[in-house]
Amino acid sequence: MNKQLYNILIVEDEDNIRMGIENNNDWEGLGLKVVGSVSNGLEAFEFLSNNIVHVTLADIRMPKMDGLELMRQCKMIKLNTYFVFLSAYNTFQYVQTAINHGAKGYLLKPLKDAELEIIFKNIVDELNMQYGIDEQQANSILNENDTISEIPDFVKKAMLYVNENYAEKHTLDSMTRLFHISPEHFGTTFKKSTGMNFVDYYTSVKIGKAKEILTYLSCSIKETAKKVGYEDYSYFCKVFKKHTGFTPLEYRNYCCFKSI
């Protein structure tokens, strides 16, 4: 019985950099396990098509298939993996393009431990929520009979739907209509599977997305609130602080300080 680890694939065309990324980082300490290491986008696409990979760390510019095209191809056939891009190019255009296409983060070569830790901790936190495992459960020993695969399909689908449509307004009633399940059954099963009720899960996803925007994009706080579905700026700030312990501005400044 071991700590739950999520699978990560490393995609980098320069052998020495790829090996360094694989061997010189405490992936297990971040909650990740390196399950593959390949040198171009085509090899990565083949690996992703045949293996369960939760996170893909890929160079944004590679021969045969670049990182952005790899991500687009994965989305087309609904391969669910989070992308973090690696690049030697520190330009806003690259960062904006990557994030706008759905990337979870953007790291510059050479890698900085603080930046890597922030990005992958946020991703693992989101994966824990997605699979219905809170932080306490994720750091404990999994029971042999209590595995991720046992979460009911409709709960997994509801989680995925919320993660993909987080800016829209969702309620328990709207979700039960969407999945044709009684509110009582949906609510009880969702909480039993995830450890939190639906509204709390939905809110935590929205705040997680807000954290990504505050970390990687130059949007104002008000723009960030709107991007994650909060029209009331003051209410957004109140909810954000309740979940993170920081105001949105404090969180942005904290992330900037950590990356120095």
C-alpha atoms as a PDB file:
ATOM      1  CA  MET A   1       0.000   0.000   0.000  1.00  0.00           C
ATOM      2  CA  ASN A   2       1.590   3.258  -1.154  1.00  0.00           C
ATOM      3  CA  LYS A   3       0.897   6.953  -1.409  1.00  0.00           C
ATOM      4  CA  GLN A   4      -1.235   7.774  -4.451  1.00  0.00           C
ATOM      5  CA  LEU A   5       0.989   9.029  -7.292  1.00  0.00           C
ATOM      6  CA  TYR A   6      -0.167  10.486 -10.609  1.00  0.00           C
ATOM      7  CA  ASN A   7       1.605   9.551 -13.846  1.00  0.00           C
ATOM      8  CA  ILE A   8       3.728  12.117 -15.675  1.00  0.00           C
ATOM      9  CA  LEU A   9       5.266  11.866 -19.167  1.00  0.00           C
ATOM     10  CA  ILE A  10       8.344  13.936 -20.069  1.00  0.00           C
ATOM     11  CA  VAL A  11       8.707  15.058 -23.696  1.00  0.00           C
ATOM     12  CA  GLU A  12      11.964  16.826 -24.601  1.00  0.00           C
ATOM     13  CA  ASP A  13      14.092  16.520 -27.750  1.00  0.00           C
ATOM     14  CA  GLU A  14      17.420  17.339 -26.052  1.00  0.00           C
ATOM     15  CA  ASP A  15      18.637  14.157 -24.368  1.00  0.00           C
ATOM     16  CA  ASN A  16      20.659  15.774 -21.573  1.00  0.00           C
ATOM     17  CA  ILE A  17      17.803  18.106 -20.616  1.00  0.00           C
ATOM     18  CA  ARG A  18      15.262  15.285 -20.713  1.00  0.00           C
ATOM     19  CA  MET A  19      17.397  13.057 -18.503  1.00  0.00           C
ATOM     20  CA  GLY A  20      18.053  15.923 -16.111  1.00  0.00           C
ATOM     21  CA  ILE A  21      14.349  16.664 -15.753  1.00  0.00           C
ATOM     22  CA  GLU A  22      13.608  13.004 -15.136  1.00  0.00           C
ATOM     23  CA  ASN A  23      16.372  12.337 -12.628  1.00  0.00           C
ATOM     24  CA  ASN A  24      17.032  15.631 -10.843  1.00  0.00           C
ATOM     25  CA  ASN A  25      13.582  16.423  -9.478  1.00  0.00           C
ATOM     26  CA  ASP A  26      11.705  14.971  -6.504  1.00  0.00           C
ATOM     27  CA  TRP A  27       8.684  13.885  -8.528  1.00  0.00           C
ATOM     28  CA  GLU A  28       7.431  11.517  -5.845  1.00  0.00           C
ATOM     29  CA  GLY A  29       7.547  14.311  -3.300  1.00  0.00           C
ATOM     30  CA  LEU A  30       5.267  16.301  -5.602  1.00  0.00           C
ATOM     31  CA  GLY A  31       2.855  13.370  -5.885  1.00  0.00           C
ATOM     32  CA  LEU A  32       3.977  12.270  -9.363  1.00  0.00           C
ATOM     33  CA  LYS A  33       5.625   9.239 -10.966  1.00  0.00           C
ATOM     34  CA  VAL A  34       7.583   9.418 -14.237  1.00  0.00           C
ATOM     35  CA  VAL A  35       6.103   6.669 -16.422  1.00  0.00           C
ATOM     36  CA  GLY A  36       7.670   7.671 -19.726  1.00  0.00           C
ATOM     37  CA  SER A  37      10.355   9.825 -21.307  1.00  0.00           C
ATOM     38  CA  VAL A  38      10.330  10.487 -25.071  1.00  0.00           C
ATOM     39  CA  SER A  39      12.087  12.808 -27.502  1.00  0.00           C
ATOM     40  CA  ASN A  40       9.378  14.199 -29.786  1.00  0.00           C
ATOM     41  CA  GLY A  41       5.672  14.873 -30.136  1.00  0.00           C
ATOM     42  CA  LEU A  42       4.898  11.851 -32.296  1.00  0.00           C
ATOM     43  CA  GLU A  43       6.436   9.462 -29.781  1.00  0.00           C
ATOM     44  CA  ALA A  44       4.526  11.261 -27.043  1.00  0.00           C
ATOM     45  CA  PHE A  45       1.227  10.959 -28.905  1.00  0.00           C
ATOM     46  CA  GLU A  46       1.750   7.219 -29.348  1.00  0.00           C
ATOM     47  CA  PHE A  47       2.619   6.812 -25.661  1.00  0.00           C
ATOM     48  CA  LEU A  48      -0.377   8.860 -24.542  1.00  0.00           C
ATOM     49  CA  SER A  49      -2.676   6.832 -26.789  1.00  0.00           C
ATOM     50  CA  ASN A  50      -1.664   3.605 -25.068  1.00  0.00           C
ATOM     51  CA  ASN A  51      -1.061   4.572 -21.444  1.00  0.00           C
ATOM     52  CA  ILE A  52      -2.771   6.399 -18.599  1.00  0.00           C
ATOM     53  CA  VAL A  53      -0.935   9.703 -18.166  1.00  0.00           C
ATOM     54  CA  HIS A  54      -2.300  12.370 -15.862  1.00  0.00           C
ATOM     55  CA  VAL A  55       0.278  15.079 -16.655  1.00  0.00           C
ATOM     56  CA  THR A  56       2.491  15.723 -19.684  1.00  0.00           C
ATOM     57  CA  LEU A  57       5.536  18.000 -19.420  1.00  0.00           C
ATOM     58  CA  ALA A  58       6.508  18.850 -23.004  1.00  0.00           C
ATOM     59  CA  ASP A  59       8.871  21.185 -24.793  1.00  0.00           C
ATOM     60  CA  ILE A  60       6.749  23.634 -26.747  1.00  0.00           C
ATOM     61  CA  ARG A  61       9.079  23.483 -29.790  1.00  0.00           C
ATOM     62  CA  MET A  62      10.111  20.026 -30.987  1.00  0.00           C
ATOM     63  CA  PRO A  63      10.732  18.223 -34.290  1.00  0.00           C
ATOM     64  CA  LYS A  64       7.989  16.141 -35.976  1.00  0.00           C
ATOM     65  CA  MET A  65       5.192  17.517 -33.747  1.00  0.00           C
ATOM     66  CA  ASP A  66       5.475  20.518 -31.434  1.00  0.00           C
ATOM     67  CA  GLY A  67       3.956  20.715 -27.982  1.00  0.00           C
ATOM     68  CA  LEU A  68       0.907  22.777 -28.943  1.00  0.00           C
ATOM     69  CA  GLU A  69       0.046  20.436 -31.799  1.00  0.00           C
ATOM     70  CA  LEU A  70       0.481  17.460 -29.477  1.00  0.00           C
ATOM     71  CA  MET A  71      -2.013  19.003 -27.069  1.00  0.00           C
ATOM     72  CA  ARG A  72      -4.474  19.733 -29.894  1.00  0.00           C
ATOM     73  CA  GLN A  73      -4.251  16.169 -31.179  1.00  0.00           C
ATOM     74  CA  CYS A  74      -4.852  14.777 -27.689  1.00  0.00           C
ATOM     75  CA  LYS A  75      -7.922  16.968 -27.258  1.00  0.00           C
ATOM     76  CA  MET A  76      -9.327  15.863 -30.610  1.00  0.00           C
ATOM     77  CA  ILE A  77      -9.454  12.234 -29.516  1.00  0.00           C
ATOM     78  CA  LYS A  78     -10.300  13.124 -25.896  1.00  0.00           C
ATOM     79  CA  LEU A  79      -7.066  11.952 -24.276  1.00  0.00           C
ATOM     80  CA  ASN A  80      -7.263  13.394 -20.776  1.00  0.00           C
ATOM     81  CA  THR A  81      -3.865  14.662 -19.678  1.00  0.00           C
ATOM     82  CA  TYR A  82      -2.828  18.000 -18.208  1.00  0.00           C
ATOM     83  CA  PHE A  83      -0.131  19.804 -20.201  1.00  0.00           C
ATOM     84  CA  VAL A  84       2.726  21.873 -18.836  1.00  0.00           C
ATOM     85  CA  PHE A  85       5.038  23.380 -21.441  1.00  0.00           C
ATOM     86  CA  LEU A  86       8.775  23.874 -21.282  1.00  0.00           C
ATOM     87  CA  SER A  87      10.604  26.455 -23.378  1.00  0.00           C
ATOM     88  CA  ALA A  88      13.733  28.549 -23.733  1.00  0.00           C
ATOM     89  CA  TYR A  89      11.619  31.383 -25.146  1.00  0.00           C
ATOM     90  CA  ASN A  90      10.482  33.952 -22.587  1.00  0.00           C
ATOM     91  CA  THR A  91       7.860  35.760 -24.672  1.00  0.00           C
ATOM     92  CA  PHE A  92       4.320  36.640 -23.634  1.00  0.00           C
ATOM     93  CA  GLN A  93       3.017  35.359 -26.973  1.00  0.00           C
ATOM     94  CA  TYR A  94       4.232  31.833 -26.233  1.00  0.00           C
ATOM     95  CA  VAL A  95       2.865  31.915 -22.690  1.00  0.00           C
ATOM     96  CA  GLN A  96      -0.506  33.322 -23.759  1.00  0.00           C
ATOM     97  CA  THR A  97      -0.869  30.839 -26.623  1.00  0.00           C
ATOM     98  CA  ALA A  98      -0.086  27.893 -24.355  1.00  0.00           C
ATOM     99  CA  ILE A  99      -2.480  28.967 -21.587  1.00  0.00           C
ATOM    100  CA  ASN A 100      -5.254  29.924 -24.015  1.00  0.00           C
ATOM    101  CA  HIS A 101      -5.069  26.436 -25.532  1.00  0.00           C
ATOM    102  CA  GLY A 102      -5.555  24.863 -22.117  1.00  0.00           C
ATOM    103  CA  ALA A 103      -2.037  24.370 -20.742  1.00  0.00           C
ATOM    104  CA  LYS A 104      -1.742  24.225 -16.975  1.00  0.00           C
ATOM    105  CA  GLY A 105       1.596  25.986 -16.857  1.00  0.00           C
ATOM    106  CA  TYR A 106       4.671  27.252 -18.679  1.00  0.00           C
ATOM    107  CA  LEU A 107       8.232  26.715 -17.442  1.00  0.00           C
ATOM    108  CA  LEU A 108      11.387  28.355 -18.745  1.00  0.00           C
ATOM    109  CA  LYS A 109      14.730  26.619 -19.188  1.00  0.00           C
ATOM    110  CA  PRO A 110      16.691  26.213 -17.027  1.00  0.00           C
ATOM    111  CA  LEU A 111      14.033  25.029 -14.603  1.00  0.00           C
ATOM    112  CA  LYS A 112      13.638  26.779 -11.257  1.00  0.00           C
ATOM    113  CA  ASP A 113      12.621  24.534  -8.378  1.00  0.00           C
ATOM    114  CA  ALA A 114      10.175  27.077  -6.929  1.00  0.00           C
ATOM    115  CA  GLU A 115       8.318  27.547 -10.216  1.00  0.00           C
ATOM    116  CA  LEU A 116       8.146  23.806 -10.856  1.00  0.00           C
ATOM    117  CA  GLU A 117       6.862  23.183  -7.332  1.00  0.00           C
ATOM    118  CA  ILE A 118       4.086  25.807  -7.624  1.00  0.00           C
ATOM    119  CA  ILE A 119       2.816  24.503 -10.958  1.00  0.00           C
ATOM    120  CA  PHE A 120       2.831  20.805 -10.138  1.00  0.00           C
ATOM    121  CA  LYS A 121       1.460  21.250  -6.618  1.00  0.00           C
ATOM    122  CA  ASN A 122      -1.516  23.114  -8.121  1.00  0.00           C
ATOM    123  CA  ILE A 123      -2.008  20.344 -10.687  1.00  0.00           C
ATOM    124  CA  VAL A 124      -1.838  17.565  -8.096  1.00  0.00           C
ATOM    125  CA  ASP A 125      -4.292  19.488  -5.894  1.00  0.00           C
ATOM    126  CA  GLU A 126      -6.687  19.691  -8.846  1.00  0.00           C
ATOM    127  CA  LEU A 127      -6.237  16.005  -9.661  1.00  0.00           C
ATOM    128  CA  ASN A 128      -6.979  15.154  -6.040  1.00  0.00           C
ATOM    129  CA  MET A 129     -10.224  17.123  -6.285  1.00  0.00           C
ATOM    130  CA  GLN A 130     -11.082  15.648  -9.664  1.00  0.00           C
ATOM    131  CA  TYR A 131     -10.697  12.108  -8.403  1.00  0.00           C
ATOM    132  CA  GLY A 132     -12.510  12.832  -5.166  1.00  0.00           C
ATOM    133  CA  ILE A 133      -9.503  12.677  -2.886  1.00  0.00           C
ATOM    134  CA  ASP A 134      -8.973  15.511  -0.415  1.00  0.00           C
ATOM    135  CA  GLU A 135      -5.499  16.516   0.737  1.00  0.00           C
ATOM    136  CA  GLN A 136      -5.658  14.416   3.888  1.00  0.00           C
ATOM    137  CA  GLN A 137      -6.713  11.332   1.943  1.00  0.00           C
ATOM    138  CA  ALA A 138      -4.079  11.915  -0.733  1.00  0.00           C
ATOM    139  CA  ASN A 139      -1.329  11.889   1.877  1.00  0.00           C
ATOM    140  CA  SER A 140      -2.618   8.779   3.612  1.00  0.00           C
ATOM    141  CA  ILE A 141      -2.380   5.113   2.678  1.00  0.00           C
ATOM    142  CA  LEU A 142      -5.018   4.020   0.196  1.00  0.00           C
ATOM    143  CA  ASN A 143      -7.177   1.128   1.257  1.00  0.00           C
ATOM    144  CA  GLU A 144      -6.906  -1.761  -1.193  1.00  0.00           C
ATOM    145  CA  ASN A 145     -10.682  -1.716  -1.642  1.00  0.00           C
ATOM    146  CA  ASP A 146     -10.965   2.087  -1.862  1.00  0.00           C
ATOM    147  CA  THR A 147      -9.571   2.977  -5.278  1.00  0.00           C
ATOM    148  CA  ILE A 148     -10.183   5.797  -7.730  1.00  0.00           C
ATOM    149  CA  SER A 149     -11.764   3.387 -10.207  1.00  0.00           C
ATOM    150  CA  GLU A 150     -14.620   2.696  -7.774  1.00  0.00           C
ATOM    151  CA  ILE A 151     -16.010   6.235  -8.046  1.00  0.00           C
ATOM    152  CA  PRO A 152     -19.327   5.978  -9.960  1.00  0.00           C
ATOM    153  CA  ASP A 153     -19.217   7.028 -13.608  1.00  0.00           C
ATOM    154  CA  PHE A 154     -21.779   9.791 -13.192  1.00  0.00           C
ATOM    155  CA  VAL A 155     -19.681  11.350 -10.423  1.00  0.00           C
ATOM    156  CA  LYS A 156     -16.565  11.273 -12.631  1.00  0.00           C
ATOM    157  CA  LYS A 157     -18.558  12.768 -15.514  1.00  0.00           C
ATOM    158  CA  ALA A 158     -19.941  15.486 -13.265  1.00  0.00           C
ATOM    159  CA  MET A 159     -16.407  16.337 -12.103  1.00  0.00           C
ATOM    160  CA  LEU A 160     -15.147  16.465 -15.682  1.00  0.00           C
ATOM    161  CA  TYR A 161     -18.111  18.577 -16.777  1.00  0.00           C
ATOM    162  CA  VAL A 162     -17.491  21.108 -14.017  1.00  0.00           C
ATOM    163  CA  ASN A 163     -13.760  21.245 -14.798  1.00  0.00           C
ATOM    164  CA  GLU A 164     -14.502  21.967 -18.458  1.00  0.00           C
ATOM    165  CA  ASN A 165     -17.368  24.415 -17.821  1.00  0.00           C
ATOM    166  CA  TYR A 166     -16.276  26.074 -14.588  1.00  0.00           C
ATOM    167  CA  ALA A 167     -17.276  29.600 -15.681  1.00  0.00           C
ATOM    168  CA  GLU A 168     -20.922  28.587 -16.087  1.00  0.00           C
ATOM    169  CA  LYS A 169     -23.417  28.545 -13.232  1.00  0.00           C
ATOM    170  CA  HIS A 170     -24.053  25.060 -11.859  1.00  0.00           C
ATOM    171  CA  THR A 171     -26.371  23.924  -9.084  1.00  0.00           C
ATOM    172  CA  LEU A 172     -27.231  20.546  -7.657  1.00  0.00           C
ATOM    173  CA  ASP A 173     -30.560  20.699  -9.501  1.00  0.00           C
ATOM    174  CA  SER A 174     -28.979  21.577 -12.856  1.00  0.00           C
ATOM    175  CA  MET A 175     -26.515  18.692 -12.554  1.00  0.00           C
ATOM    176  CA  THR A 176     -29.206  16.177 -11.638  1.00  0.00           C
ATOM    177  CA  ARG A 177     -31.229  17.251 -14.673  1.00  0.00           C
ATOM    178  CA  LEU A 178     -28.147  16.914 -16.863  1.00  0.00           C
ATOM    179  CA  PHE A 179     -27.416  13.367 -15.676  1.00  0.00           C
ATOM    180  CA  HIS A 180     -31.050  12.299 -15.131  1.00  0.00           C
ATOM    181  CA  ILE A 181     -30.465  11.359 -11.493  1.00  0.00           C
ATOM    182  CA  SER A 182     -32.534  12.301  -8.465  1.00  0.00           C
ATOM    183  CA  PRO A 183     -31.077  15.154  -6.367  1.00  0.00           C
ATOM    184  CA  GLU A 184     -30.963  12.948  -3.278  1.00  0.00           C
ATOM    185  CA  HIS A 185     -29.029  10.145  -4.997  1.00  0.00           C
ATOM    186  CA  PHE A 186     -26.665  12.546  -6.771  1.00  0.00           C
ATOM    187  CA  GLY A 187     -25.922  14.574  -3.650  1.00  0.00           C
ATOM    188  CA  THR A 188     -25.420  11.590  -1.359  1.00  0.00           C
ATOM    189  CA  THR A 189     -23.265   9.636  -3.817  1.00  0.00           C
ATOM    190  CA  PHE A 190     -21.183  12.664  -4.805  1.00  0.00           C
ATOM    191  CA  LYS A 191     -20.315  13.457  -1.192  1.00  0.00           C
ATOM    192  CA  LYS A 192     -19.613   9.816  -0.358  1.00  0.00           C
ATOM    193  CA  SER A 193     -17.280   9.524  -3.372  1.00  0.00           C
ATOM    194  CA  THR A 194     -15.441  12.837  -3.036  1.00  0.00           C
ATOM    195  CA  GLY A 195     -15.660  13.747   0.624  1.00  0.00           C
ATOM    196  CA  MET A 196     -17.337  17.069  -0.180  1.00  0.00           C
ATOM    197  CA  ASN A 197     -20.728  18.196  -1.374  1.00  0.00           C
ATOM    198  CA  PHE A 198     -21.221  19.296  -4.971  1.00  0.00           C
ATOM    199  CA  VAL A 199     -21.305  23.039  -4.280  1.00  0.00           C
ATOM    200  CA  ASP A 200     -18.026  22.881  -2.337  1.00  0.00           C
ATOM    201  CA  TYR A 201     -16.389  20.890  -5.136  1.00  0.00           C
ATOM    202  CA  TYR A 202     -17.662  23.310  -7.797  1.00  0.00           C
ATOM    203  CA  THR A 203     -16.360  26.283  -5.812  1.00  0.00           C
ATOM    204  CA  SER A 204     -12.951  24.669  -5.275  1.00  0.00           C
ATOM    205  CA  VAL A 205     -12.609  24.073  -9.028  1.00  0.00           C
ATOM    206  CA  LYS A 206     -13.422  27.730  -9.769  1.00  0.00           C
ATOM    207  CA  ILE A 207     -10.909  28.924  -7.197  1.00  0.00           C
ATOM    208  CA  GLY A 208      -8.308  26.511  -8.603  1.00  0.00           C
ATOM    209  CA  LYS A 209      -8.801  28.006 -12.066  1.00  0.00           C
ATOM    210  CA  ALA A 210      -8.545  31.510 -10.600  1.00  0.00           C
ATOM    211  CA  LYS A 211      -5.217  30.559  -8.994  1.00  0.00           C
ATOM    212  CA  GLU A 212      -3.897  29.454 -12.396  1.00  0.00           C
ATOM    213  CA  ILE A 213      -4.952  32.718 -14.046  1.00  0.00           C
ATOM    214  CA  LEU A 214      -3.430  34.816 -11.256  1.00  0.00           C
ATOM    215  CA  THR A 215      -0.189  32.843 -11.484  1.00  0.00           C
ATOM    216  CA  TYR A 216       0.321  32.705 -15.249  1.00  0.00           C
ATOM    217  CA  LEU A 217      -1.661  35.527 -16.909  1.00  0.00           C
ATOM    218  CA  SER A 218      -1.604  39.299 -16.518  1.00  0.00           C
ATOM    219  CA  CYS A 219      -5.378  39.692 -16.139  1.00  0.00           C
ATOM    220  CA  SER A 220      -6.657  42.118 -13.525  1.00  0.00           C
ATOM    221  CA  ILE A 221      -8.333  40.695 -10.432  1.00  0.00           C
ATOM    222  CA  LYS A 222     -11.747  41.767 -11.762  1.00  0.00           C
ATOM    223  CA  GLU A 223     -11.055  40.093 -15.117  1.00  0.00           C
ATOM    224  CA  THR A 224      -9.974  36.952 -13.291  1.00  0.00           C
ATOM    225  CA  ALA A 225     -13.216  36.918 -11.320  1.00  0.00           C
ATOM    226  CA  LYS A 226     -15.268  37.139 -14.521  1.00  0.00           C
ATOM    227  CA  LYS A 227     -13.228  34.446 -16.261  1.00  0.00           C
ATOM    228  CA  VAL A 228     -14.173  31.942 -13.558  1.00  0.00           C
ATOM    229  CA  GLY A 229     -17.817  32.995 -13.417  1.00  0.00           C
ATOM    230  CA  TYR A 230     -17.955  35.568 -10.612  1.00  0.00           C
ATOM    231  CA  GLU A 231     -19.695  38.805 -11.613  1.00  0.00           C
ATOM    232  CA  ASP A 232     -19.516  40.143  -8.046  1.00  0.00           C
ATOM    233  CA  TYR A 233     -15.870  41.131  -7.519  1.00  0.00           C
ATOM    234  CA  SER A 234     -16.188  41.564  -3.741  1.00  0.00           C
ATOM    235  CA  TYR A 235     -17.819  38.170  -3.336  1.00  0.00           C
ATOM    236  CA  PHE A 236     -15.077  36.552  -5.442  1.00  0.00           C
ATOM    237  CA  CYS A 237     -12.398  38.050  -3.177  1.00  0.00           C
ATOM    238  CA  LYS A 238     -14.244  36.810  -0.092  1.00  0.00           C
ATOM    239  CA  VAL A 239     -14.571  33.248  -1.443  1.00  0.00           C
ATOM    240  CA  PHE A 240     -10.961  33.224  -2.686  1.00  0.00           C
ATOM    241  CA  LYS A 241      -9.599  34.210   0.733  1.00  0.00           C
ATOM    242  CA  LYS A 242     -11.790  31.643   2.471  1.00  0.00           C
ATOM    243  CA  HIS A 243     -10.330  28.857   0.293  1.00  0.00           C
ATOM    244  CA  THR A 244      -6.685  29.965   0.082  1.00  0.00           C
ATOM    245  CA  GLY A 245      -6.017  32.170   3.099  1.00  0.00           C
ATOM    246  CA  PHE A 246      -4.941  34.959   0.733  1.00  0.00           C
ATOM    247  CA  THR A 247      -6.704  37.752  -1.083  1.00  0.00           C
ATOM    248  CA  PRO A 248      -6.297  37.399  -4.883  1.00  0.00           C
ATOM    249  CA  LEU A 249      -3.679  40.170  -4.907  1.00  0.00           C
ATOM    250  CA  GLU A 250      -1.764  38.621  -2.012  1.00  0.00           C
ATOM    251  CA  TYR A 251      -1.783  35.271  -3.818  1.00  0.00           C
ATOM    252  CA  ARG A 252      -0.440  36.805  -7.046  1.00  0.00           C
ATOM    253  CA  ASN A 253       2.321  38.607  -5.152  1.00  0.00           C
ATOM    254  CA  TYR A 254       3.164  35.396  -3.259  1.00  0.00           C
ATOM    255  CA  CYS A 255       3.548  33.452  -6.511  1.00  0.00           C
ATOM    256  CA  CYS A 256       5.750  36.174  -7.990  1.00  0.00           C
ATOM    257  CA  PHE A 257       7.948  36.117  -4.871  1.00  0.00           C
ATOM    258  CA  LYS A 258       8.234  32.298  -4.938  1.00  0.00           C
ATOM    259  CA  SER A 259       9.419  32.341  -8.571  1.00  0.00           C
ATOM    260  CA  ILE A 260      12.297  34.761  -7.937  1.00  0.00           C
END
